[in-house]
Amino acid sequence: MIITTSGRPGAGSFSNLKIASEYFSDAQVVDRNKRSISTLQEVYRDAMLIAGDTRFEYFTVDGGEPFFYHPNSASFRIKRMMNGEADPLIQAADLSPDDLFLDCTAGIASDALVASWYCNHPVTAIEARKEIAFITGQGLKTFAHKSEDINRAMRQIKLFHADAFTFLQSCPDNSYDVVYFDPMFTETIESEGISPLKKLAYIQDENLSNAINEAERVARKKVMLKDHFRSHRFLAFGFTQLIRQSTKQHYGIINKG
């Protein structure tokens, strides 16, 4: 991977370049020299992290749209909750404000952000892909939303770069109330904002199965899975599928106790 600045870098871009180069110590730092993204891709033929003034953008070696952090649908969901509406995740989890919530597949951390706004305690989120963990983690620290409540919820999330199974193995029994999984769906659902994420995210069903088995020990109340309504994973991994009319996204639940 190469790391460089934005096309017209300011002080923020150079500061972010330093942060990125320390995190990805094996990456090559190159001068931008006002070169376009396409030119850099032709020259280096490698994945590329752009350190901008206010955000990071990651381009895969195949090109296409970059991955960068934004609150995505979480903003709209939180605003609806502010207006007294229910959120499907909070309902399905039967989440209490005092519950401890662990998101094992953070991605862009939309669900973790919703849970963080709702819960009194900091939400823990883990992400196996290092590039995603870095960009989402930096975004949660620095993204400036116009809602201070949402900013506060972002800052309270504790995000770690870790494999779900390995992380769960290190957790004591019943250390989280709800343990949540949202792997890439077995069938495609068009969703604005996450298309670049699909190129990066990965979790094999064997690893997912091991992680879910460990999650049953770690969860005090329930283990949750979000997936396409036709997914084989609900049955294969022992989840009770919650049927939601008029949506392709369903939740699966394993209740404890």
Protein backbone atom coordinates (compact mmCIF):
# COMPACT_ATOMS: atom_id res chain seq x y z
CA MET A 1 0.00 0.00 0.00
CA ILE A 2 1.12 3.57 -0.66
CA ILE A 3 0.18 6.60 1.44
CA THR A 4 0.09 10.14 0.16
CA THR A 5 -1.59 13.50 0.75
CA SER A 6 -4.54 15.14 -0.96
CA GLY A 7 -3.93 16.98 -4.23
CA ARG A 8 -3.67 20.37 -2.54
CA PRO A 9 -2.62 19.43 0.98
CA GLY A 10 -2.97 21.70 3.98
CA ALA A 11 -1.63 21.28 7.48
CA GLY A 12 -4.35 18.73 8.28
CA SER A 13 -3.32 16.56 5.35
CA PHE A 14 0.32 16.43 6.44
CA SER A 15 -0.72 15.74 10.04
CA ASN A 16 -2.95 12.88 8.89
CA LEU A 17 -0.15 11.55 6.68
CA LYS A 18 2.02 11.20 9.79
CA ILE A 19 -0.77 9.40 11.68
CA ALA A 20 -1.32 6.97 8.79
CA SER A 21 2.38 6.27 8.22
CA GLU A 22 2.86 5.41 11.89
CA TYR A 23 -0.16 3.07 11.87
CA PHE A 24 0.81 1.38 8.58
CA SER A 25 4.54 1.18 9.23
CA ASP A 26 5.13 -1.16 6.28
CA ALA A 27 3.42 1.13 3.73
CA GLN A 28 5.32 3.33 1.27
CA VAL A 29 4.88 7.08 1.73
CA VAL A 30 5.12 8.99 -1.56
CA ASP A 31 4.95 12.65 -2.57
CA ARG A 32 1.71 13.55 -4.29
CA ASN A 33 3.26 16.21 -6.58
CA LYS A 34 -0.23 17.20 -7.75
CA ARG A 35 -0.62 13.86 -9.52
CA SER A 36 -4.12 12.51 -10.06
CA ILE A 37 -5.40 9.33 -8.42
CA SER A 38 -5.43 7.54 -11.77
CA THR A 39 -1.82 8.55 -12.46
CA LEU A 40 -0.70 7.28 -9.05
CA GLN A 41 -2.53 4.01 -9.65
CA GLU A 42 -0.80 3.56 -13.01
CA VAL A 43 2.63 4.30 -11.53
CA TYR A 44 2.45 2.25 -8.33
CA ARG A 45 -0.21 -0.39 -9.12
CA ASP A 46 -0.97 -0.78 -5.44
CA ALA A 47 -3.70 0.05 -2.95
CA MET A 48 -3.61 3.69 -1.90
CA LEU A 49 -4.50 5.63 1.25
CA ILE A 50 -5.08 9.35 0.78
CA ALA A 51 -4.56 11.49 3.87
CA GLY A 52 -6.78 14.51 3.34
CA ASP A 53 -7.23 17.56 5.52
CA THR A 54 -10.39 16.21 7.18
CA ARG A 55 -10.64 12.53 6.24
CA PHE A 56 -8.87 9.47 4.86
CA GLU A 57 -9.79 7.77 1.58
CA TYR A 58 -8.75 4.24 0.65
CA PHE A 59 -8.57 3.05 -2.97
CA THR A 60 -8.14 -0.63 -3.74
CA VAL A 61 -5.66 -1.70 -6.38
CA ASP A 62 -8.63 -2.26 -8.72
CA GLY A 63 -9.65 1.40 -8.48
CA GLY A 64 -13.26 2.49 -8.31
CA GLU A 65 -14.90 4.55 -5.59
CA PRO A 66 -12.85 5.10 -2.42
CA PHE A 67 -13.79 3.94 1.05
CA PHE A 68 -14.06 6.72 3.63
CA TYR A 69 -15.85 7.22 6.91
CA HIS A 70 -19.28 8.81 7.20
CA PRO A 71 -22.15 8.10 9.62
CA ASN A 72 -24.20 6.64 6.75
CA SER A 73 -27.76 5.68 7.72
CA ALA A 74 -27.04 5.96 11.45
CA SER A 75 -27.71 9.70 11.38
CA PHE A 76 -31.24 9.23 10.06
CA ARG A 77 -31.94 6.38 12.45
CA ILE A 78 -30.78 8.38 15.46
CA LYS A 79 -32.83 11.39 14.38
CA ARG A 80 -35.91 9.17 14.20
CA MET A 81 -35.19 7.89 17.71
CA MET A 82 -34.80 11.49 18.88
CA ASN A 83 -38.34 12.02 17.59
CA GLY A 84 -39.62 9.06 19.58
CA GLU A 85 -39.59 6.42 16.83
CA ALA A 86 -38.34 2.90 17.42
CA ASP A 87 -35.20 1.52 15.76
CA PRO A 88 -35.27 -2.06 14.41
CA LEU A 89 -31.90 -2.99 15.92
CA ILE A 90 -32.76 -1.64 19.36
CA GLN A 91 -36.10 -3.45 19.25
CA ALA A 92 -34.70 -6.77 18.03
CA ALA A 93 -31.93 -6.67 20.65
CA ASP A 94 -34.43 -5.68 23.35
CA LEU A 95 -31.63 -3.33 24.31
CA SER A 96 -31.68 -1.51 27.61
CA PRO A 97 -29.82 1.81 28.04
CA ASP A 98 -27.64 0.15 30.69
CA ASP A 99 -26.66 -2.81 28.47
CA LEU A 100 -23.12 -3.46 27.21
CA PHE A 101 -23.12 -3.88 23.41
CA LEU A 102 -20.36 -5.56 21.40
CA ASP A 103 -20.31 -5.20 17.59
CA CYS A 104 -18.08 -7.95 16.16
CA THR A 105 -18.16 -6.73 12.54
CA ALA A 106 -17.87 -2.96 12.79
CA GLY A 107 -17.37 -1.97 9.15
CA ILE A 108 -18.42 1.67 9.00
CA ALA A 109 -19.89 1.32 12.52
CA SER A 110 -23.44 2.42 11.66
CA ASP A 111 -25.09 -0.07 14.02
CA ALA A 112 -22.47 0.56 16.70
CA LEU A 113 -23.23 4.28 16.44
CA VAL A 114 -26.98 3.71 16.88
CA ALA A 115 -26.30 1.53 19.92
CA SER A 116 -23.81 4.06 21.29
CA TRP A 117 -26.38 6.86 21.12
CA TYR A 118 -28.93 4.68 22.89
CA CYS A 119 -26.75 3.10 25.57
CA ASN A 120 -25.29 4.77 28.62
CA HIS A 121 -22.07 2.75 28.50
CA PRO A 122 -19.46 2.94 25.71
CA VAL A 123 -20.05 0.49 22.86
CA THR A 124 -17.19 -1.81 21.86
CA ALA A 125 -16.68 -2.49 18.15
CA ILE A 126 -14.10 -4.72 16.48
CA GLU A 127 -13.04 -4.88 12.84
CA ALA A 128 -10.85 -7.56 11.28
CA ARG A 129 -9.69 -5.59 8.25
CA LYS A 130 -6.90 -3.20 9.23
CA GLU A 131 -7.70 -0.55 6.61
CA ILE A 132 -11.36 -0.42 7.65
CA ALA A 133 -10.48 -0.33 11.34
CA PHE A 134 -8.13 2.59 10.80
CA ILE A 135 -10.41 4.71 8.62
CA THR A 136 -13.53 4.07 10.69
CA GLY A 137 -11.62 4.59 13.93
CA GLN A 138 -10.21 7.92 12.75
CA GLY A 139 -13.63 8.97 11.49
CA LEU A 140 -15.28 8.22 14.81
CA LYS A 141 -12.68 10.41 16.51
CA THR A 142 -12.80 13.38 14.15
CA PHE A 143 -15.99 13.48 12.05
CA ALA A 144 -17.85 16.73 12.78
CA HIS A 145 -21.60 16.14 12.71
CA LYS A 146 -23.96 19.06 13.19
CA SER A 147 -25.60 17.15 16.04
CA GLU A 148 -23.52 17.21 19.22
CA ASP A 149 -25.43 14.15 20.48
CA ILE A 150 -24.25 12.17 17.46
CA ASN A 151 -20.69 13.50 17.85
CA ARG A 152 -20.75 12.36 21.48
CA ALA A 153 -22.02 8.90 20.46
CA MET A 154 -19.23 8.56 17.88
CA ARG A 155 -16.51 9.52 20.35
CA GLN A 156 -17.77 7.00 22.92
CA ILE A 157 -17.29 3.98 20.65
CA LYS A 158 -14.22 1.89 21.47
CA LEU A 159 -13.07 0.41 18.17
CA PHE A 160 -10.34 -2.24 17.94
CA HIS A 161 -8.60 -3.88 15.01
CA ALA A 162 -9.08 -7.55 15.85
CA ASP A 163 -10.41 -10.86 14.59
CA ALA A 164 -13.84 -11.52 16.14
CA PHE A 165 -13.06 -15.06 17.27
CA THR A 166 -9.72 -14.10 18.84
CA PHE A 167 -11.22 -11.07 20.57
CA LEU A 168 -14.13 -13.09 21.95
CA GLN A 169 -11.76 -15.74 23.27
CA SER A 170 -10.16 -13.05 25.43
CA CYS A 171 -13.50 -11.96 26.94
CA PRO A 172 -14.79 -13.32 30.27
CA ASP A 173 -18.10 -15.18 30.43
CA ASN A 174 -21.19 -12.95 30.28
CA SER A 175 -19.07 -9.82 29.82
CA TYR A 176 -21.43 -8.20 27.28
CA ASP A 177 -25.22 -8.16 27.29
CA VAL A 178 -25.59 -8.29 23.49
CA VAL A 179 -23.00 -9.60 21.02
CA TYR A 180 -23.80 -8.56 17.45
CA PHE A 181 -22.70 -9.75 13.99
CA ASP A 182 -23.40 -8.03 10.68
CA PRO A 183 -21.20 -9.76 8.07
CA MET A 184 -21.54 -8.94 4.38
CA PHE A 185 -24.86 -10.40 3.26
CA THR A 186 -25.06 -13.68 1.38
CA GLU A 187 -27.08 -11.81 -1.28
CA THR A 188 -26.56 -8.25 -2.48
CA ILE A 189 -28.76 -5.43 -1.23
CA GLU A 190 -28.18 -2.02 -2.76
CA SER A 191 -27.35 0.42 0.00
CA GLU A 192 -25.96 3.88 -0.57
CA GLY A 193 -22.59 4.45 1.00
CA ILE A 194 -21.39 0.89 1.58
CA SER A 195 -20.48 -0.22 -1.96
CA PRO A 196 -16.74 0.54 -1.50
CA LEU A 197 -16.86 -1.38 1.78
CA LYS A 198 -17.89 -4.57 -0.02
CA LYS A 199 -14.49 -4.78 -1.74
CA LEU A 200 -12.71 -4.75 1.62
CA ALA A 201 -14.94 -6.65 4.03
CA TYR A 202 -14.48 -10.35 4.48
CA ILE A 203 -15.44 -13.03 6.93
CA GLN A 204 -15.59 -16.72 6.07
CA ASP A 205 -18.52 -18.73 7.38
CA GLU A 206 -16.15 -21.11 9.20
CA ASN A 207 -14.62 -18.19 11.10
CA LEU A 208 -18.08 -16.72 11.68
CA SER A 209 -19.31 -20.02 13.08
CA ASN A 210 -16.39 -20.22 15.52
CA ALA A 211 -16.96 -16.61 16.59
CA ILE A 212 -20.69 -17.18 17.15
CA ASN A 213 -19.98 -20.24 19.29
CA GLU A 214 -17.63 -18.15 21.42
CA ALA A 215 -20.16 -15.28 21.49
CA GLU A 216 -22.69 -17.54 23.19
CA ARG A 217 -20.31 -17.78 26.13
CA VAL A 218 -19.57 -14.05 26.19
CA ALA A 219 -23.15 -12.77 25.81
CA ARG A 220 -25.28 -12.42 28.92
CA LYS A 221 -28.63 -11.80 27.16
CA LYS A 222 -28.36 -12.65 23.46
CA VAL A 223 -26.31 -13.09 20.32
CA MET A 224 -27.58 -11.33 17.18
CA LEU A 225 -27.02 -11.77 13.45
CA LYS A 226 -28.17 -9.41 10.70
CA ASP A 227 -28.33 -10.88 7.20
CA HIS A 228 -30.36 -11.17 4.01
CA PHE A 229 -33.76 -12.71 4.67
CA ARG A 230 -32.89 -15.69 2.46
CA SER A 231 -29.54 -16.32 4.16
CA HIS A 232 -28.68 -19.91 5.12
CA ARG A 233 -26.78 -18.61 8.14
CA PHE A 234 -29.82 -18.20 10.39
CA LEU A 235 -30.58 -21.91 10.31
CA ALA A 236 -26.99 -23.10 10.00
CA PHE A 237 -25.83 -21.20 13.08
CA GLY A 238 -28.87 -21.80 15.27
CA PHE A 239 -30.55 -18.38 15.14
CA THR A 240 -34.27 -17.76 15.44
CA GLN A 241 -35.04 -15.54 12.46
CA LEU A 242 -37.19 -12.49 13.18
CA ILE A 243 -39.42 -11.92 10.17
CA ARG A 244 -39.62 -8.26 9.15
CA GLN A 245 -42.18 -7.43 6.52
CA SER A 246 -41.22 -5.15 3.61
CA THR A 247 -37.46 -5.35 4.21
CA LYS A 248 -34.78 -7.76 3.01
CA GLN A 249 -32.69 -7.27 6.16
CA HIS A 250 -33.65 -9.68 8.92
CA TYR A 251 -32.27 -10.27 12.39
CA GLY A 252 -31.53 -13.60 13.99
CA ILE A 253 -31.50 -14.11 17.74
CA ILE A 254 -29.94 -16.64 20.09
CA ASN A 255 -31.38 -15.95 23.54
CA LYS A 256 -29.38 -16.78 26.65
CA GLY A 257 -30.88 -18.09 29.86
